[in-house]
Amino acid sequence: METKTRCAWCEKDDLYRDYHDNEWGNPVYDDDKLFEFLVLETFQAGLSWYTILKKRDNFRNAFDQFDYKKVAQYDEAKVQKLLQDEGIIRNQLKIRGTISNAIAFLQVQEEFGSFSKYIWGFVNHEPIINHLKSMSEIKATTAISDILSKDLKKRGFKFVGSTVVYAHMQATGMVDDHVADCWKRTRVAP
């Protein structure tokens, strides 16, 4: 049986390992996928990523396959329905924030042509490859996530503090924080 050395955070179970191996740190340029991660990361604020990952399919179903055009149109009846959905995190502020984020997402697309062009502009459209020796070197925020967080808030986004934004940057490959001995890190060896 093949064994792979991975970032230590993902060794909890197969769900985490699969996410690490197939998604985390892979560059995402598709607006639909970027919105999905934005929704999931904002719901993760104050909770563990594992909690959100386990509920990911429930979130997908509850939020119309993460269709931001539909989410932007949600009314009070839909908010109340989501508040009754036991499959997701039933936080009223986060649910309403997701609707606000969908509206802001559409406005960013209008201004920049795509959300991808906007957000990737903060890293000059290239992933930042960090050369980390251990998990203890991974930061919760950076100067770039601080700037991006501030800009997102200015544009009306909710639940986008610097820590959430940096987690989004890691998840969508804007930043590669795989540690040196991780099999995924070796694909872009220094």
C-alpha atoms as a PDB file:
ATOM      1  CA  MET A   1       0.000   0.000   0.000  1.00  0.00           C
ATOM      2  CA  GLU A   2       1.295   3.437  -0.953  1.00  0.00           C
ATOM      3  CA  THR A   3       1.838   5.821   1.921  1.00  0.00           C
ATOM      4  CA  LYS A   4       2.102   9.532   1.419  1.00  0.00           C
ATOM      5  CA  THR A   5       3.527  12.080   3.789  1.00  0.00           C
ATOM      6  CA  ARG A   6       1.005  14.860   4.217  1.00  0.00           C
ATOM      7  CA  CYS A   7       0.565  18.060   6.164  1.00  0.00           C
ATOM      8  CA  ALA A   8      -0.180  16.881   9.704  1.00  0.00           C
ATOM      9  CA  TRP A   9      -3.487  18.767  10.001  1.00  0.00           C
ATOM     10  CA  CYS A  10      -5.235  16.470   7.518  1.00  0.00           C
ATOM     11  CA  GLU A  11      -4.483  13.089   9.080  1.00  0.00           C
ATOM     12  CA  LYS A  12      -7.731  12.939  11.083  1.00  0.00           C
ATOM     13  CA  ASP A  13      -9.575  10.738   8.573  1.00  0.00           C
ATOM     14  CA  ASP A  14     -10.162  10.005   4.883  1.00  0.00           C
ATOM     15  CA  LEU A  15     -12.461  13.012   4.387  1.00  0.00           C
ATOM     16  CA  TYR A  16      -9.688  15.361   5.500  1.00  0.00           C
ATOM     17  CA  ARG A  17      -6.992  13.480   3.561  1.00  0.00           C
ATOM     18  CA  ASP A  18      -9.083  13.564   0.377  1.00  0.00           C
ATOM     19  CA  TYR A  19      -9.684  17.303   0.761  1.00  0.00           C
ATOM     20  CA  HIS A  20      -5.965  17.891   1.329  1.00  0.00           C
ATOM     21  CA  ASP A  21      -4.875  15.674  -1.561  1.00  0.00           C
ATOM     22  CA  ASN A  22      -7.394  16.885  -4.129  1.00  0.00           C
ATOM     23  CA  GLU A  23      -8.324  20.453  -3.273  1.00  0.00           C
ATOM     24  CA  TRP A  24      -6.405  22.364  -0.604  1.00  0.00           C
ATOM     25  CA  GLY A  25      -3.782  24.554  -2.207  1.00  0.00           C
ATOM     26  CA  ASN A  26      -4.826  23.837  -5.798  1.00  0.00           C
ATOM     27  CA  PRO A  27      -5.261  27.133  -7.683  1.00  0.00           C
ATOM     28  CA  VAL A  28      -8.947  27.905  -8.295  1.00  0.00           C
ATOM     29  CA  TYR A  29      -9.814  30.466 -10.973  1.00  0.00           C
ATOM     30  CA  ASP A  30     -13.463  29.493 -11.510  1.00  0.00           C
ATOM     31  CA  ASP A  31     -15.922  31.999 -10.015  1.00  0.00           C
ATOM     32  CA  ASP A  32     -18.433  29.282  -9.099  1.00  0.00           C
ATOM     33  CA  LYS A  33     -15.835  27.396  -7.071  1.00  0.00           C
ATOM     34  CA  LEU A  34     -14.448  30.601  -5.542  1.00  0.00           C
ATOM     35  CA  PHE A  35     -17.940  31.469  -4.311  1.00  0.00           C
ATOM     36  CA  GLU A  36     -18.380  27.978  -2.872  1.00  0.00           C
ATOM     37  CA  PHE A  37     -15.197  28.363  -0.851  1.00  0.00           C
ATOM     38  CA  LEU A  38     -16.225  31.858   0.207  1.00  0.00           C
ATOM     39  CA  VAL A  39     -19.509  30.507   1.576  1.00  0.00           C
ATOM     40  CA  LEU A  40     -17.834  27.612   3.351  1.00  0.00           C
ATOM     41  CA  GLU A  41     -15.046  29.750   4.812  1.00  0.00           C
ATOM     42  CA  THR A  42     -17.447  32.384   6.115  1.00  0.00           C
ATOM     43  CA  PHE A  43     -19.539  29.711   7.846  1.00  0.00           C
ATOM     44  CA  GLN A  44     -16.331  28.275   9.265  1.00  0.00           C
ATOM     45  CA  ALA A  45     -15.535  31.513  11.144  1.00  0.00           C
ATOM     46  CA  GLY A  46     -15.265  30.515  14.797  1.00  0.00           C
ATOM     47  CA  LEU A  47     -15.668  26.807  14.031  1.00  0.00           C
ATOM     48  CA  SER A  48     -13.401  24.043  12.769  1.00  0.00           C
ATOM     49  CA  TRP A  49     -12.941  23.480   9.047  1.00  0.00           C
ATOM     50  CA  TYR A  50     -13.650  19.809   9.666  1.00  0.00           C
ATOM     51  CA  THR A  51     -17.156  20.678  10.909  1.00  0.00           C
ATOM     52  CA  ILE A  52     -17.846  22.572   7.684  1.00  0.00           C
ATOM     53  CA  LEU A  53     -16.274  19.930   5.452  1.00  0.00           C
ATOM     54  CA  LYS A  54     -18.567  17.256   6.933  1.00  0.00           C
ATOM     55  CA  LYS A  55     -21.589  19.450   6.111  1.00  0.00           C
ATOM     56  CA  ARG A  56     -20.375  20.551   2.677  1.00  0.00           C
ATOM     57  CA  ASP A  57     -22.970  18.585   0.697  1.00  0.00           C
ATOM     58  CA  ASN A  58     -25.714  19.922   2.965  1.00  0.00           C
ATOM     59  CA  PHE A  59     -24.500  23.477   2.324  1.00  0.00           C
ATOM     60  CA  ARG A  60     -24.415  22.773  -1.410  1.00  0.00           C
ATOM     61  CA  ASN A  61     -28.030  21.609  -1.359  1.00  0.00           C
ATOM     62  CA  ALA A  62     -29.228  24.383   0.960  1.00  0.00           C
ATOM     63  CA  PHE A  63     -27.587  27.152  -1.087  1.00  0.00           C
ATOM     64  CA  ASP A  64     -28.689  26.053  -4.571  1.00  0.00           C
ATOM     65  CA  GLN A  65     -25.383  24.431  -5.528  1.00  0.00           C
ATOM     66  CA  PHE A  66     -23.627  27.673  -4.464  1.00  0.00           C
ATOM     67  CA  ASP A  67     -25.256  29.555  -7.345  1.00  0.00           C
ATOM     68  CA  TYR A  68     -24.447  33.135  -6.308  1.00  0.00           C
ATOM     69  CA  LYS A  69     -27.010  34.580  -8.720  1.00  0.00           C
ATOM     70  CA  LYS A  70     -29.757  32.644  -6.950  1.00  0.00           C
ATOM     71  CA  VAL A  71     -28.342  33.312  -3.477  1.00  0.00           C
ATOM     72  CA  ALA A  72     -28.309  37.058  -4.181  1.00  0.00           C
ATOM     73  CA  GLN A  73     -32.081  36.843  -4.728  1.00  0.00           C
ATOM     74  CA  TYR A  74     -32.920  35.067  -1.472  1.00  0.00           C
ATOM     75  CA  ASP A  75     -35.821  36.618   0.404  1.00  0.00           C
ATOM     76  CA  GLU A  76     -36.922  36.454   4.040  1.00  0.00           C
ATOM     77  CA  ALA A  77     -38.848  33.220   3.448  1.00  0.00           C
ATOM     78  CA  LYS A  78     -35.666  31.546   2.202  1.00  0.00           C
ATOM     79  CA  VAL A  79     -33.701  32.881   5.199  1.00  0.00           C
ATOM     80  CA  GLN A  80     -36.306  31.367   7.537  1.00  0.00           C
ATOM     81  CA  LYS A  81     -36.154  28.057   5.652  1.00  0.00           C
ATOM     82  CA  LEU A  82     -32.360  27.988   5.981  1.00  0.00           C
ATOM     83  CA  LEU A  83     -32.653  28.701   9.711  1.00  0.00           C
ATOM     84  CA  GLN A  84     -34.657  25.461  10.007  1.00  0.00           C
ATOM     85  CA  ASP A  85     -32.138  23.370   8.019  1.00  0.00           C
ATOM     86  CA  GLU A  86     -30.383  21.096  10.515  1.00  0.00           C
ATOM     87  CA  GLY A  87     -27.838  20.050   7.885  1.00  0.00           C
ATOM     88  CA  ILE A  88     -26.065  23.424   7.919  1.00  0.00           C
ATOM     89  CA  ILE A  89     -24.831  25.873  10.532  1.00  0.00           C
ATOM     90  CA  ARG A  90     -28.022  27.736  11.436  1.00  0.00           C
ATOM     91  CA  ASN A  91     -26.466  31.081  12.217  1.00  0.00           C
ATOM     92  CA  GLN A  92     -28.755  33.898  11.121  1.00  0.00           C
ATOM     93  CA  LEU A  93     -25.937  36.425  10.726  1.00  0.00           C
ATOM     94  CA  LYS A  94     -23.905  34.052   8.565  1.00  0.00           C
ATOM     95  CA  ILE A  95     -26.923  33.150   6.436  1.00  0.00           C
ATOM     96  CA  ARG A  96     -27.745  36.815   5.877  1.00  0.00           C
ATOM     97  CA  GLY A  97     -24.032  37.491   5.343  1.00  0.00           C
ATOM     98  CA  THR A  98     -23.954  34.872   2.604  1.00  0.00           C
ATOM     99  CA  ILE A  99     -26.754  36.681   0.785  1.00  0.00           C
ATOM    100  CA  SER A 100     -24.895  39.997   1.157  1.00  0.00           C
ATOM    101  CA  ASN A 101     -21.744  38.302  -0.086  1.00  0.00           C
ATOM    102  CA  ALA A 102     -23.528  36.986  -3.167  1.00  0.00           C
ATOM    103  CA  ILE A 103     -24.720  40.516  -3.975  1.00  0.00           C
ATOM    104  CA  ALA A 104     -21.223  41.931  -3.432  1.00  0.00           C
ATOM    105  CA  PHE A 105     -19.758  39.059  -5.484  1.00  0.00           C
ATOM    106  CA  LEU A 106     -21.955  40.060  -8.440  1.00  0.00           C
ATOM    107  CA  GLN A 107     -20.878  43.687  -8.059  1.00  0.00           C
ATOM    108  CA  VAL A 108     -17.207  42.667  -8.118  1.00  0.00           C
ATOM    109  CA  GLN A 109     -17.839  40.605 -11.261  1.00  0.00           C
ATOM    110  CA  GLU A 110     -19.463  43.620 -12.872  1.00  0.00           C
ATOM    111  CA  GLU A 111     -16.498  45.840 -12.027  1.00  0.00           C
ATOM    112  CA  PHE A 112     -13.634  43.436 -12.787  1.00  0.00           C
ATOM    113  CA  GLY A 113     -15.149  41.038 -15.332  1.00  0.00           C
ATOM    114  CA  SER A 114     -14.858  38.158 -12.859  1.00  0.00           C
ATOM    115  CA  PHE A 115     -14.354  37.629  -9.151  1.00  0.00           C
ATOM    116  CA  SER A 116     -11.290  35.587 -10.048  1.00  0.00           C
ATOM    117  CA  LYS A 117      -9.584  38.546 -11.741  1.00  0.00           C
ATOM    118  CA  TYR A 118     -10.323  40.673  -8.697  1.00  0.00           C
ATOM    119  CA  ILE A 119      -9.151  38.316  -5.977  1.00  0.00           C
ATOM    120  CA  TRP A 120      -6.132  36.893  -7.807  1.00  0.00           C
ATOM    121  CA  GLY A 121      -4.976  40.467  -8.451  1.00  0.00           C
ATOM    122  CA  PHE A 122      -3.960  40.637  -4.795  1.00  0.00           C
ATOM    123  CA  VAL A 123      -1.237  38.033  -5.491  1.00  0.00           C
ATOM    124  CA  ASN A 124      -0.335  39.271  -8.991  1.00  0.00           C
ATOM    125  CA  HIS A 125      -2.331  36.368 -10.494  1.00  0.00           C
ATOM    126  CA  GLU A 126       0.251  33.804  -9.330  1.00  0.00           C
ATOM    127  CA  PRO A 127       0.155  31.517  -6.275  1.00  0.00           C
ATOM    128  CA  ILE A 128       2.445  32.502  -3.429  1.00  0.00           C
ATOM    129  CA  ILE A 129       4.609  29.464  -2.703  1.00  0.00           C
ATOM    130  CA  ASN A 130       5.672  29.443   0.924  1.00  0.00           C
ATOM    131  CA  HIS A 131       8.610  27.266   1.884  1.00  0.00           C
ATOM    132  CA  LEU A 132       7.472  25.910   5.223  1.00  0.00           C
ATOM    133  CA  LYS A 133       9.400  23.295   7.123  1.00  0.00           C
ATOM    134  CA  SER A 134       6.684  22.551   9.675  1.00  0.00           C
ATOM    135  CA  MET A 135       3.058  23.251  10.551  1.00  0.00           C
ATOM    136  CA  SER A 136       4.169  25.693  13.248  1.00  0.00           C
ATOM    137  CA  GLU A 137       5.345  28.062  10.499  1.00  0.00           C
ATOM    138  CA  ILE A 138       1.879  28.389   8.949  1.00  0.00           C
ATOM    139  CA  LYS A 139       0.418  31.779   9.750  1.00  0.00           C
ATOM    140  CA  ALA A 140      -3.209  32.623  10.436  1.00  0.00           C
ATOM    141  CA  THR A 141      -2.972  35.953   8.596  1.00  0.00           C
ATOM    142  CA  THR A 142      -0.542  37.865   6.403  1.00  0.00           C
ATOM    143  CA  ALA A 143      -0.166  41.433   5.203  1.00  0.00           C
ATOM    144  CA  ILE A 144      -1.932  40.440   1.963  1.00  0.00           C
ATOM    145  CA  SER A 145      -4.863  38.811   3.759  1.00  0.00           C
ATOM    146  CA  ASP A 146      -5.152  41.972   5.894  1.00  0.00           C
ATOM    147  CA  ILE A 147      -5.342  44.157   2.771  1.00  0.00           C
ATOM    148  CA  LEU A 148      -7.737  41.808   0.964  1.00  0.00           C
ATOM    149  CA  SER A 149      -9.976  41.539   4.035  1.00  0.00           C
ATOM    150  CA  LYS A 150     -10.194  45.305   4.312  1.00  0.00           C
ATOM    151  CA  ASP A 151     -11.032  45.650   0.615  1.00  0.00           C
ATOM    152  CA  LEU A 152     -13.693  42.936   0.750  1.00  0.00           C
ATOM    153  CA  LYS A 153     -15.325  44.624   3.753  1.00  0.00           C
ATOM    154  CA  LYS A 154     -15.268  47.957   1.933  1.00  0.00           C
ATOM    155  CA  ARG A 155     -17.154  46.249  -0.905  1.00  0.00           C
ATOM    156  CA  GLY A 156     -19.860  44.976   1.451  1.00  0.00           C
ATOM    157  CA  PHE A 157     -18.662  41.435   2.168  1.00  0.00           C
ATOM    158  CA  LYS A 158     -19.414  39.981   5.620  1.00  0.00           C
ATOM    159  CA  PHE A 159     -17.468  37.514   7.788  1.00  0.00           C
ATOM    160  CA  VAL A 160     -14.260  38.183   5.867  1.00  0.00           C
ATOM    161  CA  GLY A 161     -11.776  38.927   8.613  1.00  0.00           C
ATOM    162  CA  SER A 162      -8.131  38.412   7.800  1.00  0.00           C
ATOM    163  CA  THR A 163      -8.049  34.866   9.251  1.00  0.00           C
ATOM    164  CA  VAL A 164     -11.052  33.782   7.153  1.00  0.00           C
ATOM    165  CA  VAL A 165      -9.544  35.444   4.089  1.00  0.00           C
ATOM    166  CA  TYR A 166      -6.189  33.712   4.589  1.00  0.00           C
ATOM    167  CA  ALA A 167      -7.949  30.347   4.961  1.00  0.00           C
ATOM    168  CA  HIS A 168      -9.759  31.119   1.685  1.00  0.00           C
ATOM    169  CA  MET A 169      -6.439  31.968   0.044  1.00  0.00           C
ATOM    170  CA  GLN A 170      -4.993  28.629   1.213  1.00  0.00           C
ATOM    171  CA  ALA A 171      -8.044  26.637   0.143  1.00  0.00           C
ATOM    172  CA  THR A 172      -8.111  28.172  -3.337  1.00  0.00           C
ATOM    173  CA  GLY A 173      -4.382  27.919  -3.973  1.00  0.00           C
ATOM    174  CA  MET A 174      -3.632  31.620  -3.879  1.00  0.00           C
ATOM    175  CA  VAL A 175      -1.141  30.516  -1.240  1.00  0.00           C
ATOM    176  CA  ASP A 176       0.605  27.144  -1.135  1.00  0.00           C
ATOM    177  CA  ASP A 177       1.248  26.321   2.520  1.00  0.00           C
ATOM    178  CA  HIS A 178       2.018  22.618   2.118  1.00  0.00           C
ATOM    179  CA  VAL A 179       4.977  21.811   4.364  1.00  0.00           C
ATOM    180  CA  ALA A 180       8.313  20.722   2.906  1.00  0.00           C
ATOM    181  CA  ASP A 181       7.864  16.959   3.369  1.00  0.00           C
ATOM    182  CA  CYS A 182       4.251  16.884   2.121  1.00  0.00           C
ATOM    183  CA  TRP A 183       3.833  14.976  -1.128  1.00  0.00           C
ATOM    184  CA  LYS A 184       1.865  17.884  -2.583  1.00  0.00           C
ATOM    185  CA  ARG A 185       4.640  20.324  -1.741  1.00  0.00           C
ATOM    186  CA  THR A 186       7.165  18.367  -3.728  1.00  0.00           C
ATOM    187  CA  ARG A 187       5.320  19.168  -6.945  1.00  0.00           C
ATOM    188  CA  VAL A 188       6.673  22.722  -6.660  1.00  0.00           C
ATOM    189  CA  ALA A 189       9.955  22.044  -4.894  1.00  0.00           C
ATOM    190  CA  PRO A 190      12.107  25.111  -4.166  1.00  0.00           C
END
